[in-house]
Amino acid sequence: MPAATPAPATANDGNGGEFVSVKGGGGSGGGGRWALLIGVPLIVIALFIAAAGFWVKGKIDPGSQGEEVAFSIAKGATTSQIATSLAEKKIVSSATVFEWYVKWKGGDPFQAGKYEGLRVNSPMGEVVDILKAGPPPPTTVSFLVREGLWVSEFKKLALEKFPTMDPAALDAALKNTHPSLQPAGSTNIEGFLFPATYEIAQQDVGNAQKLIDQMIAAFDRVSQAEGLPDATAKLKGVAGTKSISPYEALIV
């Protein structure tokens, strides 16, 4: 047989009447358990989000900066590659966070070139601002002089590279500049224009005399290191009784 349902308790109200007392079946206790089951995970999630936010904030702005670091972006480098390079040089503290930051703030793609002003532990906002501004203009212009060029070929090359150069000034510089091994009274500069890649300062671009001075200085420096000024003594007897001058040794 099914169990009988207990009758509600009654009590006298003191005036001959009765009232019914109904006891809940543990309702308040059940509600507390549900609140606990829901509240604890929410607190854990909130703490996790707060900790993650604090961690990300520390990565975005790690604190005091260190020394300046030379940094270059190669042509065609992706944001991921740039982020990795920045992290390797300790400019940013996390390549992954920097990628997220760039996607959030925008600014890429960044220009290839050499950058200045980047330091160890730089704030990511500052790094993005520097990269968005692009590399500073170069302070020099590279000028390649190949081996085996005649003076006439060199003149054509120089005037093509530096359109502002005065042809008459270049002719004068070639005629009036005298390397240390050039025979006295000679104005022939063949063989003295040392083949190399020259870095010409921006303020000197188009200055024929400074270009020739730089090239002759390079020749004198290398010839000294190779012992060319001592060629007469070193080559004594090679041509019989004839003495070989350093210039003759150069052009042979």
Protein backbone atom coordinates (compact mmCIF):
# COMPACT_ATOMS: atom_id res chain seq x y z
CA MET A 1 0.00 0.00 0.00
CA PRO A 2 1.27 3.55 -0.66
CA ALA A 3 2.58 5.37 2.35
CA ALA A 4 0.14 7.78 3.92
CA THR A 5 0.90 11.44 3.54
CA PRO A 6 1.48 12.96 6.96
CA ALA A 7 -1.21 15.42 7.96
CA PRO A 8 -0.16 19.01 8.44
CA ALA A 9 0.48 19.91 12.05
CA THR A 10 -2.16 22.04 13.78
CA ALA A 11 -1.98 24.28 16.78
CA ASN A 12 -4.40 26.30 18.88
CA ASP A 13 -4.15 30.05 18.49
CA GLY A 14 -5.29 30.64 22.05
CA ASN A 15 -8.73 31.87 20.99
CA GLY A 16 -10.19 28.51 20.24
CA GLY A 17 -9.10 28.57 16.61
CA GLU A 18 -6.51 26.42 14.89
CA PHE A 19 -3.88 27.19 12.32
CA VAL A 20 -1.91 24.89 10.09
CA SER A 21 1.89 24.78 10.09
CA VAL A 22 3.50 23.62 6.84
CA LYS A 23 7.27 22.71 6.85
CA GLY A 24 9.21 22.91 3.67
CA GLY A 25 10.98 19.79 2.49
CA GLY A 26 14.52 21.21 2.48
CA GLY A 27 13.89 23.80 -0.24
CA SER A 28 16.28 26.38 1.12
CA GLY A 29 19.11 23.88 1.44
CA GLY A 30 18.72 22.76 -2.18
CA GLY A 31 18.86 26.34 -3.45
CA GLY A 32 22.11 26.93 -1.59
CA ARG A 33 23.72 23.89 -3.19
CA TRP A 34 22.75 25.09 -6.67
CA ALA A 35 24.17 28.55 -5.95
CA LEU A 36 27.42 26.91 -4.84
CA LEU A 37 27.61 24.68 -7.91
CA ILE A 38 27.11 27.64 -10.25
CA GLY A 39 29.03 30.28 -8.31
CA VAL A 40 32.34 28.43 -7.80
CA PRO A 41 32.99 27.84 -11.55
CA LEU A 42 32.05 31.45 -12.27
CA ILE A 43 34.55 32.65 -9.68
CA VAL A 44 37.24 30.35 -11.13
CA ILE A 45 36.53 31.63 -14.65
CA ALA A 46 36.63 35.24 -13.45
CA LEU A 47 39.95 34.65 -11.69
CA PHE A 48 41.34 32.98 -14.82
CA ILE A 49 40.26 35.89 -17.03
CA ALA A 50 41.76 38.38 -14.59
CA ALA A 51 45.04 36.45 -14.44
CA ALA A 52 45.17 36.13 -18.24
CA GLY A 53 44.49 39.84 -18.62
CA PHE A 54 47.23 40.67 -16.15
CA TRP A 55 49.64 38.36 -18.01
CA VAL A 56 48.82 39.89 -21.41
CA LYS A 57 49.16 43.41 -20.00
CA GLY A 58 52.61 42.49 -18.70
CA LYS A 59 53.58 41.21 -22.14
CA ILE A 60 52.29 44.33 -23.90
CA ASP A 61 54.11 46.69 -21.53
CA PRO A 62 56.85 44.76 -19.69
CA GLY A 63 58.21 47.70 -17.71
CA SER A 64 61.56 49.47 -17.80
CA GLN A 65 63.34 49.46 -21.16
CA GLY A 66 66.90 48.35 -21.81
CA GLU A 67 69.54 49.33 -24.32
CA GLU A 68 68.82 50.25 -27.94
CA VAL A 69 68.89 47.33 -30.37
CA ALA A 70 69.66 47.43 -34.09
CA PHE A 71 66.74 45.94 -35.99
CA SER A 72 66.09 45.33 -39.67
CA ILE A 73 63.10 44.05 -41.60
CA ALA A 74 63.91 41.99 -44.66
CA LYS A 75 62.06 42.60 -47.89
CA GLY A 76 58.92 40.46 -48.00
CA ALA A 77 59.00 39.56 -44.29
CA THR A 78 55.62 38.59 -42.82
CA THR A 79 54.19 39.95 -39.57
CA SER A 80 54.85 36.55 -37.99
CA GLN A 81 58.51 36.63 -39.05
CA ILE A 82 58.88 40.21 -37.81
CA ALA A 83 57.31 39.27 -34.47
CA THR A 84 59.71 36.34 -34.11
CA SER A 85 62.72 38.55 -34.86
CA LEU A 86 61.55 41.17 -32.35
CA ALA A 87 61.17 38.49 -29.67
CA GLU A 88 64.58 36.97 -30.47
CA LYS A 89 66.18 40.36 -29.94
CA LYS A 90 64.10 40.78 -26.74
CA ILE A 91 62.52 43.97 -28.08
CA VAL A 92 59.12 42.43 -27.33
CA SER A 93 58.47 39.78 -24.70
CA SER A 94 56.21 37.53 -26.79
CA ALA A 95 56.01 37.00 -30.54
CA THR A 96 52.50 35.56 -30.27
CA VAL A 97 51.13 38.44 -28.21
CA PHE A 98 52.77 40.93 -30.58
CA GLU A 99 51.02 39.31 -33.55
CA TRP A 100 47.68 39.59 -31.74
CA TYR A 101 48.45 43.17 -30.80
CA VAL A 102 49.23 44.13 -34.41
CA LYS A 103 45.98 42.51 -35.60
CA TRP A 104 44.12 44.45 -32.92
CA LYS A 105 45.82 47.81 -33.51
CA GLY A 106 46.58 47.45 -37.22
CA GLY A 107 49.52 49.04 -38.99
CA ASP A 108 51.05 46.19 -40.93
CA PRO A 109 52.51 45.46 -43.43
CA PHE A 110 55.71 47.13 -42.29
CA GLN A 111 58.36 48.52 -44.64
CA ALA A 112 61.65 46.74 -45.15
CA GLY A 113 64.75 48.53 -43.89
CA LYS A 114 66.86 49.38 -40.86
CA TYR A 115 65.05 50.80 -37.85
CA GLU A 116 66.28 52.96 -35.00
CA GLY A 117 64.91 53.65 -31.51
CA LEU A 118 63.87 50.09 -30.64
CA ARG A 119 64.99 48.95 -27.18
CA VAL A 120 64.94 45.81 -25.10
CA ASN A 121 61.56 45.44 -23.32
CA SER A 122 59.86 48.10 -25.41
CA PRO A 123 56.09 48.59 -24.99
CA MET A 124 54.35 47.01 -27.97
CA GLY A 125 52.47 50.21 -28.73
CA GLU A 126 55.77 52.06 -29.08
CA VAL A 127 57.22 49.29 -31.28
CA VAL A 128 54.20 49.41 -33.60
CA ASP A 129 54.43 53.22 -33.83
CA ILE A 130 58.12 53.02 -34.82
CA LEU A 131 57.48 50.30 -37.40
CA LYS A 132 54.45 52.13 -38.83
CA ALA A 133 56.59 55.26 -39.31
CA GLY A 134 58.97 53.25 -41.49
CA PRO A 135 62.77 53.16 -41.48
CA PRO A 136 64.66 56.46 -41.40
CA PRO A 137 66.11 57.58 -44.73
CA PRO A 138 69.56 56.13 -45.39
CA THR A 139 72.50 58.29 -44.35
CA THR A 140 74.65 56.99 -47.20
CA VAL A 141 74.32 55.92 -50.82
CA SER A 142 76.12 52.76 -51.95
CA PHE A 143 78.25 53.06 -55.08
CA LEU A 144 79.76 49.92 -56.62
CA VAL A 145 82.90 50.28 -58.73
CA ARG A 146 83.67 47.02 -60.48
CA GLU A 147 87.17 45.75 -61.09
CA GLY A 148 88.70 46.39 -64.49
CA LEU A 149 86.92 49.66 -65.36
CA TRP A 150 88.78 52.21 -67.45
CA VAL A 151 88.58 55.83 -66.32
CA SER A 152 86.19 56.62 -69.18
CA GLU A 153 83.88 53.80 -68.05
CA PHE A 154 84.10 54.96 -64.46
CA LYS A 155 83.11 58.52 -65.46
CA LYS A 156 80.02 57.25 -67.25
CA LEU A 157 79.08 55.09 -64.26
CA ALA A 158 79.53 57.94 -61.75
CA LEU A 159 77.50 60.43 -63.78
CA GLU A 160 74.67 57.91 -64.19
CA LYS A 161 74.65 57.12 -60.47
CA PHE A 162 74.84 60.75 -59.39
CA PRO A 163 72.84 62.90 -61.85
CA THR A 164 73.64 66.08 -59.91
CA MET A 165 77.38 65.62 -60.37
CA ASP A 166 79.03 68.22 -62.62
CA PRO A 167 80.95 66.44 -65.44
CA ALA A 168 83.54 69.25 -65.54
CA ALA A 169 84.09 68.94 -61.78
CA LEU A 170 84.60 65.18 -62.18
CA ASP A 171 87.17 65.73 -64.93
CA ALA A 172 89.01 68.25 -62.74
CA ALA A 173 89.01 65.89 -59.76
CA LEU A 174 90.40 63.04 -61.86
CA LYS A 175 93.13 65.29 -63.25
CA ASN A 176 94.17 67.11 -60.10
CA THR A 177 94.04 64.30 -57.52
CA HIS A 178 97.37 62.51 -57.12
CA PRO A 179 97.70 59.09 -55.49
CA SER A 180 100.86 58.50 -53.47
CA LEU A 181 102.27 56.09 -56.08
CA GLN A 182 101.50 58.24 -59.12
CA PRO A 183 104.68 59.33 -60.93
CA ALA A 184 105.60 62.98 -60.46
CA GLY A 185 104.03 65.26 -63.06
CA SER A 186 101.55 62.61 -64.23
CA THR A 187 97.82 63.26 -64.42
CA ASN A 188 96.96 59.73 -65.52
CA ILE A 189 94.83 58.13 -62.84
CA GLU A 190 94.30 54.78 -64.59
CA GLY A 191 94.75 51.91 -62.14
CA PHE A 192 94.30 54.09 -59.05
CA LEU A 193 90.50 53.95 -58.82
CA PHE A 194 90.21 51.08 -56.36
CA PRO A 195 87.30 48.70 -57.10
CA ALA A 196 84.97 48.43 -54.10
CA THR A 197 81.53 49.36 -52.82
CA TYR A 198 81.68 52.89 -51.45
CA GLU A 199 79.25 54.41 -48.97
CA ILE A 200 78.76 58.04 -49.95
CA ALA A 201 77.35 60.35 -47.27
CA GLN A 202 74.09 61.99 -48.31
CA GLN A 203 75.58 65.47 -48.01
CA ASP A 204 78.43 64.43 -50.35
CA VAL A 205 76.28 62.92 -53.09
CA GLY A 206 77.19 64.67 -56.33
CA ASN A 207 80.49 66.01 -54.96
CA ALA A 208 83.05 64.77 -57.50
CA GLN A 209 86.15 65.72 -55.50
CA LYS A 210 85.01 63.93 -52.34
CA LEU A 211 84.17 60.81 -54.34
CA ILE A 212 87.62 60.68 -55.96
CA ASP A 213 89.33 61.46 -52.63
CA GLN A 214 87.50 58.53 -51.03
CA MET A 215 88.52 56.17 -53.81
CA ILE A 216 92.16 57.26 -53.84
CA ALA A 217 92.32 56.95 -50.05
CA ALA A 218 91.06 53.38 -50.40
CA PHE A 219 93.73 52.64 -53.00
CA ASP A 220 96.52 54.13 -50.85
CA ARG A 221 95.35 52.16 -47.82
CA VAL A 222 95.27 48.82 -49.67
CA SER A 223 98.55 49.42 -51.52
CA GLN A 224 100.30 50.17 -48.23
CA ALA A 225 98.90 47.00 -46.67
CA GLU A 226 100.08 44.96 -49.67
CA GLY A 227 103.57 46.48 -49.59
CA LEU A 228 103.32 48.03 -53.05
CA PRO A 229 105.47 51.07 -52.09
CA ASP A 230 108.35 48.60 -51.53
CA ALA A 231 107.96 47.00 -54.95
CA THR A 232 111.32 48.36 -56.21
CA ALA A 233 113.27 46.50 -53.53
CA LYS A 234 111.10 43.40 -53.66
CA LEU A 235 111.38 43.08 -57.45
CA LYS A 236 115.08 43.89 -57.68
CA GLY A 237 116.72 41.75 -60.34
CA VAL A 238 113.44 40.52 -61.79
CA ALA A 239 113.95 42.69 -64.88
CA GLY A 240 117.70 42.38 -64.98
CA THR A 241 119.42 45.64 -64.26
CA LYS A 242 116.24 47.65 -64.79
CA SER A 243 114.63 49.04 -61.65
CA ILE A 244 110.86 48.56 -61.40
CA SER A 245 108.94 51.41 -59.81
CA PRO A 246 105.84 50.84 -57.67
CA TYR A 247 103.72 52.37 -60.43
CA GLU A 248 105.19 50.00 -63.03
CA ALA A 249 104.50 47.08 -60.69
CA LEU A 250 100.93 48.29 -60.41
CA ILE A 251 100.18 48.49 -64.12
CA VAL A 252 102.01 45.31 -65.17
